Amino acid sequence: MTPPPPNRPGRPSIDPHDRPVSVHVTLDVVLYDKAYAAARRERVNVPEWIRRQLRQATTKAAADR
């Protein structure tokens, strides 16, 4: 079996001007189900939905200062 080529294409960077940081979140089932339903309505996956919610909340918090 041949190893995969280096630098193969994959998921694009979230922000090409900043480096990503991994975060682990534990949610209770009810909250996850609500996040899943909201993500489905927006036609995105749960991690993308959480990123959007964090981006929106931090942008609003910065504007409120």
PDB file of N, CA and C in Angstrom:
ATOM      1  N   MET A   1       0.844  -1.182   0.000  1.00  0.00           N
ATOM      2  CA  MET A   1       0.000   0.000   0.000  1.00  0.00           C
ATOM      3  C   MET A   1       0.892   1.249   0.000  1.00  0.00           C
ATOM      4  N   THR A   2       0.576   2.179  -0.855  1.00  0.00           N
ATOM      5  CA  THR A   2       1.349   3.414  -0.988  1.00  0.00           C
ATOM      6  C   THR A   2       0.817   4.461   0.001  1.00  0.00           C
ATOM      7  N   PRO A   3       1.704   5.151   0.723  1.00  0.00           N
ATOM      8  CA  PRO A   3       1.236   6.196   1.640  1.00  0.00           C
ATOM      9  C   PRO A   3       0.653   7.367   0.856  1.00  0.00           C
ATOM     10  N   PRO A   4      -0.262   8.111   1.473  1.00  0.00           N
ATOM     11  CA  PRO A   4      -0.857   9.252   0.762  1.00  0.00           C
ATOM     12  C   PRO A   4       0.190  10.326   0.468  1.00  0.00           C
ATOM     13  N   PRO A   5       0.020  11.042  -0.616  1.00  0.00           N
ATOM     14  CA  PRO A   5       0.996  12.086  -0.947  1.00  0.00           C
ATOM     15  C   PRO A   5       0.940  13.221   0.077  1.00  0.00           C
ATOM     16  N   PRO A   6       2.080  13.848   0.369  1.00  0.00           N
ATOM     17  CA  PRO A   6       2.076  14.973   1.308  1.00  0.00           C
ATOM     18  C   PRO A   6       1.318  16.160   0.714  1.00  0.00           C
ATOM     19  N   ASN A   7       0.805  16.986   1.586  1.00  0.00           N
ATOM     20  CA  ASN A   7       0.089  18.201   1.187  1.00  0.00           C
ATOM     21  C   ASN A   7      -1.088  17.920   0.261  1.00  0.00           C
ATOM     22  N   ARG A   8      -1.759  16.806   0.505  1.00  0.00           N
ATOM     23  CA  ARG A   8      -2.930  16.509  -0.324  1.00  0.00           C
ATOM     24  C   ARG A   8      -4.060  17.483   0.024  1.00  0.00           C
ATOM     25  N   PRO A   9      -4.931  17.761  -0.924  1.00  0.00           N
ATOM     26  CA  PRO A   9      -6.016  18.699  -0.655  1.00  0.00           C
ATOM     27  C   PRO A   9      -6.977  18.126   0.385  1.00  0.00           C
ATOM     28  N   GLY A  10      -7.565  18.990   1.132  1.00  0.00           N
ATOM     29  CA  GLY A  10      -8.513  18.591   2.164  1.00  0.00           C
ATOM     30  C   GLY A  10      -9.441  19.747   2.472  1.00  0.00           C
ATOM     31  N   ARG A  11      -9.935  19.758   3.683  1.00  0.00           N
ATOM     32  CA  ARG A  11     -10.828  20.832   4.100  1.00  0.00           C
ATOM     33  C   ARG A  11     -10.043  22.139   4.114  1.00  0.00           C
ATOM     34  N   PRO A  12     -10.590  23.189   3.510  1.00  0.00           N
ATOM     35  CA  PRO A  12      -9.867  24.465   3.510  1.00  0.00           C
ATOM     36  C   PRO A  12      -9.764  25.036   4.921  1.00  0.00           C
ATOM     37  N   SER A  13      -8.770  25.850   5.129  1.00  0.00           N
ATOM     38  CA  SER A  13      -8.573  26.499   6.420  1.00  0.00           C
ATOM     39  C   SER A  13      -9.793  27.355   6.775  1.00  0.00           C
ATOM     40  N   ILE A  14     -10.130  27.372   8.046  1.00  0.00           N
ATOM     41  CA  ILE A  14     -11.259  28.193   8.502  1.00  0.00           C
ATOM     42  C   ILE A  14     -10.965  29.663   8.223  1.00  0.00           C
ATOM     43  N   ASP A  15      -9.774  30.097   8.574  1.00  0.00           N
ATOM     44  CA  ASP A  15      -9.334  31.467   8.304  1.00  0.00           C
ATOM     45  C   ASP A  15      -7.889  31.383   7.834  1.00  0.00           C
ATOM     46  N   PRO A  16      -7.623  31.678   6.564  1.00  0.00           N
ATOM     47  CA  PRO A  16      -6.260  31.531   6.050  1.00  0.00           C
ATOM     48  C   PRO A  16      -5.243  32.466   6.709  1.00  0.00           C
ATOM     49  N   HIS A  17      -5.704  33.467   7.451  1.00  0.00           N
ATOM     50  CA  HIS A  17      -4.800  34.429   8.078  1.00  0.00           C
ATOM     51  C   HIS A  17      -4.556  34.140   9.552  1.00  0.00           C
ATOM     52  N   ASP A  18      -5.147  33.062  10.071  1.00  0.00           N
ATOM     53  CA  ASP A  18      -4.996  32.735  11.483  1.00  0.00           C
ATOM     54  C   ASP A  18      -4.890  31.227  11.629  1.00  0.00           C
ATOM     55  N   ARG A  19      -4.228  30.769  12.657  1.00  0.00           N
ATOM     56  CA  ARG A  19      -4.077  29.327  12.844  1.00  0.00           C
ATOM     57  C   ARG A  19      -5.236  28.784  13.680  1.00  0.00           C
ATOM     58  N   PRO A  20      -5.673  27.564  13.416  1.00  0.00           N
ATOM     59  CA  PRO A  20      -6.782  26.983  14.159  1.00  0.00           C
ATOM     60  C   PRO A  20      -6.341  26.470  15.530  1.00  0.00           C
ATOM     61  N   VAL A  21      -7.281  26.390  16.446  1.00  0.00           N
ATOM     62  CA  VAL A  21      -7.071  25.829  17.769  1.00  0.00           C
ATOM     63  C   VAL A  21      -8.166  24.794  17.980  1.00  0.00           C
ATOM     64  N   SER A  22      -7.795  23.607  18.411  1.00  0.00           N
ATOM     65  CA  SER A  22      -8.788  22.561  18.661  1.00  0.00           C
ATOM     66  C   SER A  22      -9.482  22.809  20.000  1.00  0.00           C
ATOM     67  N   VAL A  23     -10.776  22.576  20.021  1.00  0.00           N
ATOM     68  CA  VAL A  23     -11.577  22.749  21.233  1.00  0.00           C
ATOM     69  C   VAL A  23     -12.465  21.524  21.383  1.00  0.00           C
ATOM     70  N   HIS A  24     -12.578  21.020  22.594  1.00  0.00           N
ATOM     71  CA  HIS A  24     -13.468  19.899  22.882  1.00  0.00           C
ATOM     72  C   HIS A  24     -14.605  20.426  23.740  1.00  0.00           C
ATOM     73  N   VAL A  25     -15.836  20.165  23.335  1.00  0.00           N
ATOM     74  CA  VAL A  25     -17.011  20.629  24.062  1.00  0.00           C
ATOM     75  C   VAL A  25     -17.875  19.426  24.412  1.00  0.00           C
ATOM     76  N   THR A  26     -18.305  19.350  25.658  1.00  0.00           N
ATOM     77  CA  THR A  26     -19.223  18.309  26.078  1.00  0.00           C
ATOM     78  C   THR A  26     -20.582  18.958  26.327  1.00  0.00           C
ATOM     79  N   LEU A  27     -21.604  18.434  25.670  1.00  0.00           N
ATOM     80  CA  LEU A  27     -22.955  18.975  25.799  1.00  0.00           C
ATOM     81  C   LEU A  27     -23.891  17.891  26.319  1.00  0.00           C
ATOM     82  N   ASP A  28     -24.919  18.303  27.060  1.00  0.00           N
ATOM     83  CA  ASP A  28     -25.918  17.307  27.413  1.00  0.00           C
ATOM     84  C   ASP A  28     -26.752  17.010  26.170  1.00  0.00           C
ATOM     85  N   VAL A  29     -27.470  15.920  26.186  1.00  0.00           N
ATOM     86  CA  VAL A  29     -28.190  15.442  25.009  1.00  0.00           C
ATOM     87  C   VAL A  29     -29.214  16.454  24.521  1.00  0.00           C
ATOM     88  N   VAL A  30     -29.932  17.083  25.423  1.00  0.00           N
ATOM     89  CA  VAL A  30     -30.968  18.043  25.029  1.00  0.00           C
ATOM     90  C   VAL A  30     -30.350  19.225  24.284  1.00  0.00           C
ATOM     91  N   LEU A  31     -29.247  19.753  24.800  1.00  0.00           N
ATOM     92  CA  LEU A  31     -28.595  20.886  24.149  1.00  0.00           C
ATOM     93  C   LEU A  31     -28.016  20.475  22.796  1.00  0.00           C
ATOM     94  N   TYR A  32     -27.414  19.278  22.728  1.00  0.00           N
ATOM     95  CA  TYR A  32     -26.888  18.806  21.451  1.00  0.00           C
ATOM     96  C   TYR A  32     -28.006  18.650  20.423  1.00  0.00           C
ATOM     97  N   ASP A  33     -29.138  18.095  20.843  1.00  0.00           N
ATOM     98  CA  ASP A  33     -30.263  17.926  19.920  1.00  0.00           C
ATOM     99  C   ASP A  33     -30.737  19.269  19.371  1.00  0.00           C
ATOM    100  N   LYS A  34     -30.752  20.292  20.226  1.00  0.00           N
ATOM    101  CA  LYS A  34     -31.147  21.635  19.772  1.00  0.00           C
ATOM    102  C   LYS A  34     -30.112  22.197  18.783  1.00  0.00           C
ATOM    103  N   ALA A  35     -28.835  22.005  19.080  1.00  0.00           N
ATOM    104  CA  ALA A  35     -27.782  22.473  18.174  1.00  0.00           C
ATOM    105  C   ALA A  35     -27.853  21.722  16.850  1.00  0.00           C
ATOM    106  N   TYR A  36     -28.098  20.420  16.913  1.00  0.00           N
ATOM    107  CA  TYR A  36     -28.200  19.607  15.708  1.00  0.00           C
ATOM    108  C   TYR A  36     -29.368  20.077  14.838  1.00  0.00           C
ATOM    109  N   ALA A  37     -30.515  20.332  15.479  1.00  0.00           N
ATOM    110  CA  ALA A  37     -31.687  20.796  14.736  1.00  0.00           C
ATOM    111  C   ALA A  37     -31.428  22.160  14.090  1.00  0.00           C
ATOM    112  N   ALA A  38     -30.782  23.055  14.827  1.00  0.00           N
ATOM    113  CA  ALA A  38     -30.469  24.384  14.277  1.00  0.00           C
ATOM    114  C   ALA A  38     -29.478  24.260  13.121  1.00  0.00           C
ATOM    115  N   ALA A  39     -28.497  23.402  13.267  1.00  0.00           N
ATOM    116  CA  ALA A  39     -27.512  23.195  12.201  1.00  0.00           C
ATOM    117  C   ALA A  39     -28.183  22.618  10.955  1.00  0.00           C
ATOM    118  N   ARG A  40     -29.094  21.695  11.133  1.00  0.00           N
ATOM    119  CA  ARG A  40     -29.818  21.118   9.984  1.00  0.00           C
ATOM    120  C   ARG A  40     -30.621  22.192   9.263  1.00  0.00           C
ATOM    121  N   ARG A  41     -31.278  23.076  10.036  1.00  0.00           N
ATOM    122  CA  ARG A  41     -32.060  24.156   9.412  1.00  0.00           C
ATOM    123  C   ARG A  41     -31.171  25.059   8.565  1.00  0.00           C
ATOM    124  N   GLU A  42     -29.949  25.281   9.035  1.00  0.00           N
ATOM    125  CA  GLU A  42     -28.997  26.131   8.297  1.00  0.00           C
ATOM    126  C   GLU A  42     -28.162  25.340   7.295  1.00  0.00           C
ATOM    127  N   ARG A  43     -28.415  24.039   7.211  1.00  0.00           N
ATOM    128  CA  ARG A  43     -27.714  23.151   6.269  1.00  0.00           C
ATOM    129  C   ARG A  43     -26.198  23.157   6.445  1.00  0.00           C
ATOM    130  N   VAL A  44     -25.782  23.097   7.711  1.00  0.00           N
ATOM    131  CA  VAL A  44     -24.366  22.978   8.049  1.00  0.00           C
ATOM    132  C   VAL A  44     -24.227  21.865   9.088  1.00  0.00           C
ATOM    133  N   ASN A  45     -22.990  21.467   9.366  1.00  0.00           N
ATOM    134  CA  ASN A  45     -22.789  20.470  10.414  1.00  0.00           C
ATOM    135  C   ASN A  45     -22.697  21.164  11.773  1.00  0.00           C
ATOM    136  N   VAL A  46     -22.742  20.394  12.842  1.00  0.00           N
ATOM    137  CA  VAL A  46     -22.757  20.962  14.189  1.00  0.00           C
ATOM    138  C   VAL A  46     -21.488  21.767  14.482  1.00  0.00           C
ATOM    139  N   PRO A  47     -20.289  21.283  14.159  1.00  0.00           N
ATOM    140  CA  PRO A  47     -19.105  22.110  14.424  1.00  0.00           C
ATOM    141  C   PRO A  47     -19.145  23.471  13.706  1.00  0.00           C
ATOM    142  N   GLU A  48     -19.611  23.493  12.458  1.00  0.00           N
ATOM    143  CA  GLU A  48     -19.716  24.768  11.740  1.00  0.00           C
ATOM    144  C   GLU A  48     -20.752  25.666  12.392  1.00  0.00           C
ATOM    145  N   TRP A  49     -21.859  25.087  12.838  1.00  0.00           N
ATOM    146  CA  TRP A  49     -22.900  25.875  13.499  1.00  0.00           C
ATOM    147  C   TRP A  49     -22.362  26.488  14.791  1.00  0.00           C
ATOM    148  N   ILE A  50     -21.596  25.696  15.566  1.00  0.00           N
ATOM    149  CA  ILE A  50     -21.005  26.210  16.803  1.00  0.00           C
ATOM    150  C   ILE A  50     -20.011  27.326  16.485  1.00  0.00           C
ATOM    151  N   ARG A  51     -19.174  27.152  15.448  1.00  0.00           N
ATOM    152  CA  ARG A  51     -18.237  28.221  15.056  1.00  0.00           C
ATOM    153  C   ARG A  51     -18.985  29.505  14.727  1.00  0.00           C
ATOM    154  N   ARG A  52     -20.078  29.382  13.959  1.00  0.00           N
ATOM    155  CA  ARG A  52     -20.857  30.572  13.595  1.00  0.00           C
ATOM    156  C   ARG A  52     -21.455  31.251  14.821  1.00  0.00           C
ATOM    157  N   GLN A  53     -21.955  30.452  15.764  1.00  0.00           N
ATOM    158  CA  GLN A  53     -22.539  31.025  16.976  1.00  0.00           C
ATOM    159  C   GLN A  53     -21.477  31.741  17.806  1.00  0.00           C
ATOM    160  N   LEU A  54     -20.299  31.143  17.923  1.00  0.00           N
ATOM    161  CA  LEU A  54     -19.207  31.788  18.665  1.00  0.00           C
ATOM    162  C   LEU A  54     -18.754  33.068  17.980  1.00  0.00           C
ATOM    163  N   ARG A  55     -18.638  33.020  16.651  1.00  0.00           N
ATOM    164  CA  ARG A  55     -18.226  34.208  15.905  1.00  0.00           C
ATOM    165  C   ARG A  55     -19.243  35.333  16.107  1.00  0.00           C
ATOM    166  N   GLN A  56     -20.527  34.997  16.020  1.00  0.00           N
ATOM    167  CA  GLN A  56     -21.576  35.995  16.192  1.00  0.00           C
ATOM    168  C   GLN A  56     -21.560  36.565  17.612  1.00  0.00           C
ATOM    169  N   ALA A  57     -21.416  35.702  18.618  1.00  0.00           N
ATOM    170  CA  ALA A  57     -21.420  36.157  20.008  1.00  0.00           C
ATOM    171  C   ALA A  57     -20.205  37.035  20.312  1.00  0.00           C
ATOM    172  N   THR A  58     -19.033  36.655  19.812  1.00  0.00           N
ATOM    173  CA  THR A  58     -17.839  37.444  20.107  1.00  0.00           C
ATOM    174  C   THR A  58     -17.852  38.764  19.336  1.00  0.00           C
ATOM    175  N   THR A  59     -18.414  38.769  18.153  1.00  0.00           N
ATOM    176  CA  THR A  59     -18.533  40.027  17.400  1.00  0.00           C
ATOM    177  C   THR A  59     -19.482  40.977  18.098  1.00  0.00           C
ATOM    178  N   LYS A  60     -20.597  40.451  18.601  1.00  0.00           N
ATOM    179  CA  LYS A  60     -21.569  41.272  19.324  1.00  0.00           C
ATOM    180  C   LYS A  60     -20.974  41.792  20.615  1.00  0.00           C
ATOM    181  N   ALA A  61     -20.249  40.935  21.343  1.00  0.00           N
ATOM    182  CA  ALA A  61     -19.626  41.348  22.606  1.00  0.00           C
ATOM    183  C   ALA A  61     -18.602  42.453  22.376  1.00  0.00           C
ATOM    184  N   ALA A  62     -17.847  42.337  21.287  1.00  0.00           N
ATOM    185  CA  ALA A  62     -16.843  43.368  20.985  1.00  0.00           C
ATOM    186  C   ALA A  62     -17.520  44.690  20.612  1.00  0.00           C
ATOM    187  N   ALA A  63     -18.660  44.607  19.931  1.00  0.00           N
ATOM    188  CA  ALA A  63     -19.378  45.814  19.531  1.00  0.00           C
ATOM    189  C   ALA A  63     -20.045  46.484  20.726  1.00  0.00           C
ATOM    190  N   ASP A  64     -20.390  45.705  21.751  1.00  0.00           N
ATOM    191  CA  ASP A  64     -21.054  46.252  22.938  1.00  0.00           C
ATOM    192  C   ASP A  64     -20.101  46.990  23.855  1.00  0.00           C
ATOM    193  N   ARG A  65     -18.802  46.831  23.649  1.00  0.00           N
ATOM    194  CA  ARG A  65     -17.838  47.504  24.536  1.00  0.00           C
ATOM    195  C   ARG A  65     -17.718  48.945  24.240  1.00  0.00           C
TER     196      ARG A  65
END
